[in-house]
Protein backbone atom coordinates (compact mmCIF):
# COMPACT_ATOMS: atom_id res chain seq x y z
CA MET A 1 -6.75 -27.71 -11.66
CA SER A 2 -7.04 -24.34 -9.87
CA LYS A 3 -9.62 -21.82 -10.95
CA LYS A 4 -8.25 -18.75 -12.72
CA LEU A 5 -8.91 -15.65 -10.63
CA ARG A 6 -11.07 -12.96 -12.22
CA TYR A 7 -9.57 -9.49 -12.57
CA GLY A 8 -11.60 -6.37 -11.82
CA PHE A 9 -11.50 -2.69 -12.67
CA THR A 10 -10.05 0.15 -10.62
CA THR A 11 -11.89 3.11 -9.14
CA GLY A 12 -10.09 5.12 -11.83
CA SER A 13 -11.70 3.04 -14.57
CA CYS A 14 -15.11 3.40 -12.93
CA ALA A 15 -14.70 7.17 -12.69
CA ALA A 16 -13.60 7.45 -16.32
CA ALA A 17 -16.51 5.31 -17.54
CA ALA A 18 -19.06 7.26 -15.49
CA ALA A 19 -17.60 10.58 -16.69
CA LYS A 20 -17.70 9.48 -20.33
CA ALA A 21 -21.32 8.34 -20.04
CA ALA A 22 -22.38 11.54 -18.24
CA ALA A 23 -20.63 13.70 -20.86
CA TYR A 24 -22.27 11.74 -23.67
CA MET A 25 -25.76 12.17 -22.18
CA LEU A 26 -25.15 15.86 -21.48
CA LEU A 27 -23.86 16.71 -24.95
CA THR A 28 -26.16 14.47 -27.05
CA GLY A 29 -29.33 14.53 -25.00
CA LYS A 30 -29.54 10.74 -25.32
CA GLU A 31 -29.62 8.27 -22.43
CA LYS A 32 -26.73 5.82 -22.11
CA THR A 33 -26.99 2.69 -19.97
CA GLU A 34 -23.72 1.08 -21.08
CA ILE A 35 -20.37 2.55 -22.04
CA THR A 36 -17.00 1.19 -23.16
CA ILE A 37 -13.60 2.63 -22.36
CA GLN A 38 -10.10 1.34 -23.02
CA THR A 39 -7.96 0.92 -19.91
CA PRO A 40 -4.25 1.85 -19.97
CA LYS A 41 -3.52 -1.89 -19.97
CA GLY A 42 -5.34 -2.13 -23.30
CA ILE A 43 -8.28 -4.14 -21.94
CA LEU A 44 -11.74 -2.84 -22.80
CA TYR A 45 -14.07 -2.07 -19.90
CA HIS A 46 -17.77 -2.50 -20.74
CA ALA A 47 -19.44 -0.66 -17.86
CA LYS A 48 -23.10 -0.60 -16.92
CA ILE A 49 -24.39 2.86 -16.07
CA CYS A 50 -26.82 3.35 -13.21
CA ASP A 51 -28.58 6.05 -11.17
CA ILE A 52 -28.81 8.49 -14.09
CA VAL A 53 -29.97 12.02 -13.27
CA ARG A 54 -30.24 14.40 -16.25
CA ALA A 55 -30.68 18.17 -16.36
CA GLU A 56 -30.11 20.84 -19.00
CA GLN A 57 -26.70 21.92 -17.74
CA GLU A 58 -25.48 18.74 -16.01
CA VAL A 59 -25.79 14.96 -15.92
CA SER A 60 -24.87 12.60 -13.09
CA CYS A 61 -24.51 8.83 -13.25
CA ALA A 62 -22.65 5.99 -11.53
CA VAL A 63 -20.67 2.82 -12.17
CA GLU A 64 -20.53 0.05 -9.57
CA LYS A 65 -16.98 -0.90 -8.62
CA ASP A 66 -16.11 -4.54 -9.31
CA GLY A 67 -12.75 -5.61 -7.93
CA GLY A 68 -12.96 -9.10 -9.43
CA ASP A 69 -11.58 -11.81 -7.13
CA ASP A 70 -9.33 -9.36 -5.29
CA PRO A 71 -10.39 -8.67 -1.67
CA ASP A 72 -10.94 -4.98 -2.41
CA VAL A 73 -12.87 -2.97 0.20
CA THR A 74 -14.27 -0.69 -2.52
CA THR A 75 -15.98 -3.51 -4.43
CA GLY A 76 -19.69 -2.73 -4.63
CA ALA A 77 -19.23 1.00 -4.10
CA LEU A 78 -20.88 3.36 -6.57
CA VAL A 79 -18.46 5.74 -8.27
CA TYR A 80 -20.37 8.81 -9.51
CA ALA A 81 -19.43 11.39 -12.10
CA LYS A 82 -21.35 14.64 -12.48
CA VAL A 83 -20.47 16.47 -15.69
CA SER A 84 -21.54 20.10 -15.97
CA ILE A 85 -21.29 22.86 -18.56
CA ALA A 86 -18.61 25.17 -17.16
CA GLY A 87 -18.51 27.95 -19.72
CA LYS A 88 -17.82 28.67 -23.34
CA ARG A 89 -14.54 28.97 -25.19
CA ARG A 90 -13.31 30.60 -28.34
CA LYS A 91 -12.64 28.32 -31.28
CA GLU A 92 -8.86 28.76 -31.00
CA GLU A 93 -8.79 27.98 -27.27
CA GLU A 94 -7.99 24.52 -26.00
CA LEU A 95 -10.85 22.46 -24.59
CA GLN A 96 -10.99 22.82 -20.79
CA ILE A 97 -11.95 19.88 -18.54
CA TRP A 98 -11.80 20.53 -14.79
CA ILE A 99 -11.74 17.50 -12.48
CA ASP A 100 -12.43 17.53 -8.74
CA GLY A 101 -13.59 15.24 -5.98
CA GLY A 102 -16.86 15.44 -4.10
CA THR A 103 -18.47 13.44 -1.30
CA GLY A 104 -16.55 10.32 -0.32
CA VAL A 105 -13.41 11.18 -2.31
CA GLY A 106 -10.44 11.97 -0.07
CA ARG A 107 -8.44 15.16 -0.06
CA VAL A 108 -4.65 15.30 0.31
CA THR A 109 -3.34 17.01 3.47
CA ARG A 110 0.33 15.94 3.44
CA PRO A 111 3.10 16.23 0.84
CA GLY A 112 4.75 13.34 -0.96
CA LEU A 113 1.67 11.79 -2.58
CA ASP A 114 0.60 11.60 -6.22
CA GLN A 115 -1.42 14.81 -5.86
CA ALA A 116 -0.45 18.11 -4.26
CA VAL A 117 -1.74 19.12 -0.84
CA GLY A 118 -5.31 20.40 -1.15
CA ASN A 119 -6.15 18.38 -4.26
CA ALA A 120 -8.75 15.67 -4.40
CA ALA A 121 -7.11 12.23 -4.10
CA ILE A 122 -7.72 11.42 -7.75
CA ASN A 123 -4.36 10.18 -9.00
CA HIS A 124 -2.80 11.37 -12.24
CA VAL A 125 -3.56 8.24 -14.32
CA PRO A 126 -7.31 8.31 -13.49
CA ARG A 127 -7.30 12.05 -14.23
CA GLU A 128 -5.71 11.32 -17.62
CA MET A 129 -8.28 8.57 -18.25
CA ILE A 130 -11.20 10.85 -17.38
CA THR A 131 -9.82 13.64 -19.55
CA LYS A 132 -9.23 11.30 -22.51
CA GLU A 133 -12.74 9.78 -22.41
CA VAL A 134 -14.56 13.09 -21.92
CA ARG A 135 -12.45 14.74 -24.63
CA GLU A 136 -13.43 11.93 -27.01
CA VAL A 137 -17.10 12.74 -26.46
CA CYS A 138 -16.45 16.48 -26.93
CA THR A 139 -14.69 15.82 -30.23
CA MET A 140 -17.47 13.53 -31.40
CA THR A 141 -20.16 16.13 -30.62
CA ASP A 142 -18.04 19.15 -31.69
CA PHE A 143 -18.63 20.70 -28.26
CA GLN A 144 -17.39 24.29 -28.06
CA GLY A 145 -17.12 24.95 -24.34
CA ALA A 146 -15.67 23.84 -21.03
CA LEU A 147 -16.75 21.02 -18.74
CA SER A 148 -16.51 20.33 -15.03
CA VAL A 149 -16.26 16.73 -13.82
CA LEU A 150 -17.02 15.99 -10.16
CA ILE A 151 -16.24 12.46 -8.92
CA SER A 152 -17.92 11.23 -5.74
CA VAL A 153 -18.32 7.97 -3.84
CA PRO A 154 -21.18 7.90 -1.32
CA GLY A 155 -19.98 6.02 1.77
CA GLY A 156 -16.37 6.60 0.76
CA GLU A 157 -15.41 8.20 4.07
CA ALA A 158 -16.35 5.03 5.98
CA LEU A 159 -14.61 2.81 3.40
CA ALA A 160 -11.43 4.87 3.74
CA GLN A 161 -11.06 3.76 7.37
CA LYS A 162 -10.31 0.27 6.03
CA THR A 163 -7.53 1.59 3.78
CA PHE A 164 -4.14 3.27 4.27
CA ASN A 165 -5.63 6.72 3.57
CA PRO A 166 -5.81 7.88 7.22
CA ARG A 167 -2.11 6.96 7.66
CA LEU A 168 -1.20 8.86 4.51
CA GLY A 169 -3.06 12.03 5.45
CA ILE A 170 -5.86 11.62 2.92
CA VAL A 171 -9.03 12.75 4.69
CA GLY A 172 -12.72 12.54 3.90
CA GLY A 173 -12.84 9.48 1.67
CA ILE A 174 -11.16 6.98 -0.59
CA SER A 175 -8.66 7.61 -3.36
CA ILE A 176 -9.43 7.24 -7.05
CA LEU A 177 -6.57 5.01 -8.10
CA GLY A 178 -5.10 2.80 -10.77
CA THR A 179 -2.16 2.79 -13.15
CA THR A 180 -3.38 0.05 -15.50
CA GLY A 181 -7.13 0.40 -14.97
CA ILE A 182 -7.23 -3.25 -13.95
CA VAL A 183 -7.37 -4.81 -10.48
CA GLU A 184 -5.25 -7.96 -10.51
CA PRO A 185 -6.31 -10.45 -7.82
CA MET A 186 -4.05 -10.49 -4.73
CA SER A 187 -1.69 -8.13 -6.50
CA GLU A 188 1.75 -7.96 -4.89
CA LYS A 189 2.37 -4.85 -6.96
CA ALA A 190 -0.50 -3.08 -5.22
CA LEU A 191 1.04 -3.81 -1.83
CA LEU A 192 4.48 -2.66 -2.96
CA ASP A 193 2.95 0.50 -4.45
CA THR A 194 1.36 1.24 -1.06
CA ILE A 195 4.70 0.75 0.72
CA LEU A 196 6.44 3.01 -1.80
CA THR A 197 3.77 5.69 -1.44
CA GLU A 198 4.22 5.85 2.34
CA LEU A 199 8.02 5.86 2.05
CA ARG A 200 7.92 8.72 -0.46
CA GLN A 201 5.61 10.69 1.78
CA ARG A 202 7.86 10.23 4.84
CA ARG A 203 10.87 11.29 2.78
CA ALA A 204 9.01 14.35 1.47
CA LEU A 205 8.36 15.32 5.10
CA GLY A 206 12.10 15.42 5.60
CA GLU A 207 12.66 12.12 7.42
CA ARG A 208 16.13 10.58 6.93
CA VAL A 209 15.65 7.41 8.99
CA ILE A 210 12.72 5.04 8.69
CA ALA A 211 11.31 2.26 10.86
CA VAL A 212 9.59 -0.65 9.13
CA SER A 213 7.87 -3.73 10.48
CA PRO A 214 5.91 -6.63 9.00
CA GLY A 215 2.85 -5.59 11.05
CA ASN A 216 1.77 -4.52 14.52
CA TYR A 217 2.76 -7.82 16.15
CA GLY A 218 4.51 -6.81 19.38
CA LEU A 219 2.94 -3.36 19.56
CA ASP A 220 2.39 -3.54 23.34
CA TYR A 221 5.96 -4.75 23.93
CA MET A 222 7.53 -1.91 21.92
CA LYS A 223 5.39 0.71 23.67
CA ARG A 224 6.10 -0.69 27.13
CA THR A 225 9.84 -1.22 26.66
CA PHE A 226 10.94 1.60 24.38
CA GLY A 227 8.00 4.00 24.37
CA TYR A 228 7.74 3.51 20.62
CA ASP A 229 4.38 3.22 18.88
CA LEU A 230 4.85 0.43 16.34
CA ASP A 231 1.86 1.76 14.43
CA GLN A 232 4.11 4.60 13.26
CA SER A 233 6.30 2.14 11.35
CA VAL A 234 5.84 1.59 7.64
CA LYS A 235 4.16 -1.80 7.30
CA CYS A 236 6.21 -3.91 4.91
CA SER A 237 4.18 -7.13 5.24
CA ASN A 238 6.34 -9.98 3.90
CA PHE A 239 8.29 -7.75 1.49
CA ILE A 240 11.34 -7.01 3.62
CA GLY A 241 13.91 -7.14 0.82
CA ASN A 242 11.77 -5.03 -1.51
CA THR A 243 11.20 -2.47 1.25
CA ILE A 244 14.95 -2.10 1.81
CA ASP A 245 15.34 -1.49 -1.92
CA LEU A 246 12.51 1.06 -2.00
CA ALA A 247 13.77 2.90 1.10
CA ALA A 248 17.22 3.18 -0.47
CA GLU A 249 15.74 4.44 -3.75
CA CYS A 250 13.74 7.07 -1.85
CA GLY A 251 16.95 8.40 -0.32
CA PHE A 252 16.66 7.26 3.30
CA GLU A 253 19.99 7.03 5.10
CA LYS A 254 19.03 4.48 7.76
CA LEU A 255 16.37 1.79 8.20
CA LEU A 256 15.30 -0.03 11.36
CA LEU A 257 13.44 -3.32 10.98
CA THR A 258 11.58 -4.52 14.08
CA GLY A 259 9.59 -7.71 14.29
CA HIS A 260 8.71 -11.03 15.84
CA ILE A 261 11.13 -13.93 15.50
CA GLY A 262 8.48 -15.94 13.65
CA LYS A 263 8.99 -13.65 10.65
CA LEU A 264 12.53 -12.41 11.10
CA ILE A 265 14.18 -15.78 11.69
CA LYS A 266 13.78 -16.43 7.96
CA LEU A 267 16.13 -13.54 7.22
CA ALA A 268 18.91 -15.55 8.88
CA GLY A 269 18.66 -17.86 5.87
CA GLY A 270 18.68 -15.01 3.37
CA ILE A 271 14.92 -15.24 2.71
CA MET A 272 13.86 -11.65 2.01
CA ASN A 273 10.20 -12.41 1.29
CA THR A 274 8.88 -14.02 4.45
CA HIS A 275 5.62 -15.38 3.03
CA SER A 276 5.32 -19.11 3.68
CA LYS A 277 4.96 -19.79 -0.03
CA GLU A 278 8.49 -18.44 -0.54
CA GLY A 279 10.00 -20.76 2.04
CA ASP A 280 9.66 -21.83 5.65
CA CYS A 281 12.84 -22.97 7.39
CA ARG A 282 12.22 -21.37 10.80
CA MET A 283 12.93 -24.48 12.86
CA GLU A 284 15.85 -25.55 10.69
CA LEU A 285 17.53 -22.15 11.16
CA LEU A 286 16.87 -22.18 14.88
CA ALA A 287 18.13 -25.74 15.18
CA ALA A 288 21.28 -25.04 13.17
CA SER A 289 22.16 -22.04 15.33
CA ALA A 290 21.46 -24.02 18.49
CA LEU A 291 23.70 -26.86 17.33
CA LEU A 292 26.53 -24.47 16.47
CA GLU A 293 26.26 -22.96 19.96
CA GLY A 294 26.59 -26.37 21.61
CA VAL A 295 22.96 -27.11 22.49
CA GLU A 296 22.61 -30.85 23.02
CA ALA A 297 21.27 -32.94 20.16
CA GLU A 298 18.14 -34.08 22.01
CA LYS A 299 16.94 -30.49 22.43
CA VAL A 300 17.83 -29.66 18.83
CA ARG A 301 15.63 -32.55 17.70
CA ARG A 302 12.79 -31.21 19.85
CA ILE A 303 13.21 -27.78 18.25
CA LEU A 304 12.93 -29.34 14.80
CA ASN A 305 9.58 -30.83 15.80
CA CYS A 306 8.12 -27.51 17.02
CA ALA A 307 5.25 -25.88 15.17
CA VAL A 308 5.88 -22.28 16.27
CA THR A 309 8.96 -20.29 17.25
CA GLU A 310 7.67 -19.44 20.75
CA GLU A 311 7.61 -23.18 21.49
CA ALA A 312 11.19 -23.54 20.25
CA LEU A 313 12.30 -20.60 22.39
CA ALA A 314 10.90 -22.32 25.46
CA ILE A 315 13.16 -25.31 24.73
CA LEU A 316 16.18 -23.04 24.31
CA LYS A 317 15.35 -21.42 27.65
CA GLU A 318 16.01 -24.80 29.26
CA THR A 319 19.67 -24.36 28.28
CA ASP A 320 22.32 -21.79 29.17
CA ARG A 321 22.86 -20.97 25.49
CA PHE A 322 19.72 -18.92 24.83
CA THR A 323 21.44 -15.53 24.44
CA ASP A 324 24.28 -16.99 22.37
CA VAL A 325 21.83 -18.63 19.97
CA MET A 326 19.84 -15.39 19.56
CA ASP A 327 23.02 -13.41 18.98
CA ARG A 328 24.15 -15.88 16.33
CA ILE A 329 20.80 -15.60 14.56
CA MET A 330 20.98 -11.79 14.66
CA GLU A 331 24.50 -11.94 13.25
CA LYS A 332 23.17 -13.86 10.25
CA ILE A 333 20.16 -11.55 9.89
CA SER A 334 22.48 -8.54 9.90
CA PHE A 335 24.70 -10.17 7.30
CA TYR A 336 21.84 -10.68 4.87
CA LEU A 337 20.30 -7.25 5.57
CA GLN A 338 23.62 -5.58 4.76
CA LYS A 339 24.01 -7.75 1.70
CA ARG A 340 20.60 -6.59 0.44
CA ALA A 341 21.30 -2.98 1.38
CA ALA A 342 24.55 -3.16 -0.60
CA GLY A 343 25.93 0.03 0.91
CA ARG A 344 22.95 2.11 -0.19
CA ILE A 345 21.39 2.38 3.27
CA GLN A 346 22.27 1.42 6.84
CA ALA A 347 19.94 -1.44 7.82
CA GLU A 348 19.50 -2.38 11.50
CA CYS A 349 17.21 -4.91 13.20
CA MET A 350 15.47 -5.61 16.51
CA MET A 351 13.87 -9.02 17.08
CA TYR A 352 11.51 -9.95 19.90
CA SER A 353 8.96 -12.52 21.02
CA ASN A 354 5.68 -12.34 22.92
CA GLU A 355 6.94 -14.35 25.87
CA TYR A 356 10.58 -13.27 26.18
CA GLY A 357 10.61 -9.69 24.89
CA GLU A 358 13.75 -8.52 23.14
CA LEU A 359 15.73 -11.45 21.81
CA ALA A 360 18.55 -9.69 19.97
CA SER A 361 19.41 -6.42 18.23
CA SER A 362 22.00 -5.46 15.66
CA SER A 363 24.81 -3.18 16.80
CA GLY A 364 23.25 0.08 15.64
CA ALA A 365 19.58 -0.72 16.23
CA LYS A 366 19.03 1.19 19.48
CA GLU A 367 20.70 4.32 18.14
CA VAL A 368 18.59 4.25 14.97
CA LEU A 369 15.46 3.73 17.09
CA ARG A 370 16.33 6.89 19.04
CA GLU A 371 16.76 8.78 15.77
CA VAL A 372 13.42 7.48 14.47
CA MET A 373 11.63 8.58 17.65
CA THR A 374 13.29 12.01 17.55
CA GLU A 375 12.21 12.57 13.94
CA ARG A 376 8.65 11.39 14.58
CA ASN A 377 8.35 13.64 17.63
CA ARG A 378 9.40 16.64 15.52
CA SER A 379 6.85 15.92 12.78
């Protein structure tokens, strides 16, 4: 029986808990070493408060980020909130709570993200959480004034280099994130949210065509052959079908998928999530195409016994049907890409291998690649 994975709490939850505790200590004069908040998911977060520094006009404290069993680079980081008296207000005026980011919290430099350019990368749900928790303390203490909340994460700038922030134009630190307040282990939703964020940003920058790839596999080949930096592609991981859907929803007109045959061969069987847990029929698809193109049965049997696609390609190279087999596979890939696109977006594909370079391309792939490179050079 497999062990149930432990969920954690987002940086947004940590920031809200630290802000609530700091506000409580500032407005009551009492020390608080534990605090409870309710996450948007409805789960209570009982946070331990550390590194408390109290003064007459401000209090600072921290909550240690715990990502549960998710491989989260921010686990162990201290999320600080400094709450300060920021002025008085008249009784009829609405309570004012100003939120900003300090050391280790990124700042937005490009459009298309959750926050406007120039704002601290504290997303709207964490901002709402912080406001709600601090407001609760103000109501409890009948505070008649305004408060400033500064969120910081010492070491956040170094941590951000392990995240997508540099690609997204968020500089100087990590983002304060979370829509549910909970970190679900190995969350597919988190990956899809990251893909969607980058797509939205590219679209906000005016791009009409988008290049996506499962990863940077083949980076040297693409640079050498086409002068294209694969690192500029949106990384879709295994979620090829979902990425087509998201790109269409964002309003892109054309999409170019580039990748290694080891991933893309699965598309020839209509498998739009290429993770091995979803299905692995690489050799069967290769063998079926080879058989249909007249490759002799003995070589087809050898292909079926291969462990990796590069090995199977070497067997096909022994025949005079290599190009025909690759073209047949690309024909099937194109069929399923268009089926998924359903007329919402033009989807093209380029497939390559380490040893043999370009294996096959769909009819419009090279033209879309030129358009992608033109747009990227303008931006």
